[in-house]
Amino acid sequence: MDTIIIEEPRSPPRRLACRDWSPSRALFNGAPNIERADKLVQIIAKQKGLSHPVIDANVALVDELLDKNREKAAA
């Protein structure tokens, strides 16, 4: 019978320098800019002649929240 060596798990990676790694967390913590997968999906869909009301609504909501965050940051 072969012996299987099981190593102890390594420690988890250190936290990223940016605490707001989640786009939604960053958005609600006042970030003026975030990475936008929703907008990317919407743009690609439009290039292919497609759209979806849920994606469009999500993009509009995030756009609105980002606009508010940018206004607060500028003040």
Protein backbone atom coordinates (compact mmCIF):
# COMPACT_ATOMS: atom_id res chain seq x y z
CA MET A 1 0.00 0.00 0.00
CA ASP A 2 1.30 3.45 -0.95
CA THR A 3 1.57 6.18 1.63
CA ILE A 4 -0.14 9.48 0.87
CA ILE A 5 1.41 12.51 2.49
CA ILE A 6 -1.05 15.24 3.31
CA GLU A 7 0.46 18.63 3.92
CA GLU A 8 -1.04 21.24 6.16
CA PRO A 9 -2.94 23.89 4.24
CA ARG A 10 -1.00 27.06 3.65
CA SER A 11 -2.12 30.27 5.24
CA PRO A 12 -4.72 32.23 3.29
CA PRO A 13 -3.42 35.03 1.09
CA ARG A 14 -3.04 38.42 2.67
CA ARG A 15 -5.83 40.87 2.11
CA LEU A 16 -5.57 42.93 -1.01
CA ALA A 17 -4.45 46.51 -0.56
CA CYS A 18 -7.88 47.63 -1.72
CA ARG A 19 -10.47 46.65 0.85
CA ASP A 20 -13.30 47.09 -1.62
CA TRP A 21 -12.52 44.09 -3.81
CA SER A 22 -16.20 43.39 -4.43
CA PRO A 23 -17.74 45.76 -7.01
CA SER A 24 -20.99 45.98 -5.06
CA ARG A 25 -19.18 46.63 -1.78
CA ALA A 26 -17.02 49.27 -3.47
CA LEU A 27 -20.07 50.87 -5.02
CA PHE A 28 -21.93 51.14 -1.73
CA ASN A 29 -18.79 52.37 0.04
CA GLY A 30 -18.64 55.37 -2.28
CA ALA A 31 -16.20 54.29 -5.00
CA PRO A 32 -16.41 56.65 -7.98
CA ASN A 33 -15.26 53.92 -10.40
CA ILE A 34 -15.55 50.12 -10.43
CA GLU A 35 -14.92 47.30 -12.87
CA ARG A 36 -18.13 46.82 -14.85
CA ALA A 37 -18.86 43.29 -16.08
CA ASP A 38 -22.52 44.28 -16.44
CA LYS A 39 -21.68 47.12 -18.82
CA LEU A 40 -19.32 44.87 -20.79
CA VAL A 41 -22.08 42.27 -21.25
CA GLN A 42 -24.50 45.00 -22.33
CA ILE A 43 -22.05 46.43 -24.88
CA ILE A 44 -21.25 43.03 -26.38
CA ALA A 45 -24.95 42.14 -26.55
CA LYS A 46 -25.75 45.42 -28.32
CA GLN A 47 -22.99 44.72 -30.86
CA LYS A 48 -24.76 41.46 -31.62
CA GLY A 49 -28.19 43.11 -31.81
CA LEU A 50 -29.32 41.73 -28.45
CA SER A 51 -30.58 43.25 -25.23
CA HIS A 52 -32.20 42.10 -22.01
CA PRO A 53 -34.33 44.26 -19.71
CA VAL A 54 -32.71 42.92 -16.53
CA ILE A 55 -29.20 43.72 -17.76
CA ASP A 56 -30.31 47.14 -18.96
CA ALA A 57 -31.95 47.87 -15.60
CA ASN A 58 -28.85 46.72 -13.71
CA VAL A 59 -26.57 48.90 -15.85
CA ALA A 60 -28.85 51.90 -15.33
CA LEU A 61 -28.89 51.36 -11.55
CA VAL A 62 -25.11 51.05 -11.30
CA ASP A 63 -24.66 54.09 -13.56
CA GLU A 64 -26.94 56.09 -11.25
CA LEU A 65 -25.11 54.99 -8.10
CA LEU A 66 -21.72 55.75 -9.66
CA ASP A 67 -22.92 59.21 -10.69
CA LYS A 68 -23.96 59.88 -7.08
CA ASN A 69 -20.59 58.63 -5.80
CA ARG A 70 -18.75 60.88 -8.26
CA GLU A 71 -20.81 63.89 -7.18
CA LYS A 72 -19.98 63.20 -3.53
CA ALA A 73 -16.29 62.76 -4.34
CA ALA A 74 -16.22 66.06 -6.24
CA ALA A 75 -17.88 67.98 -3.39
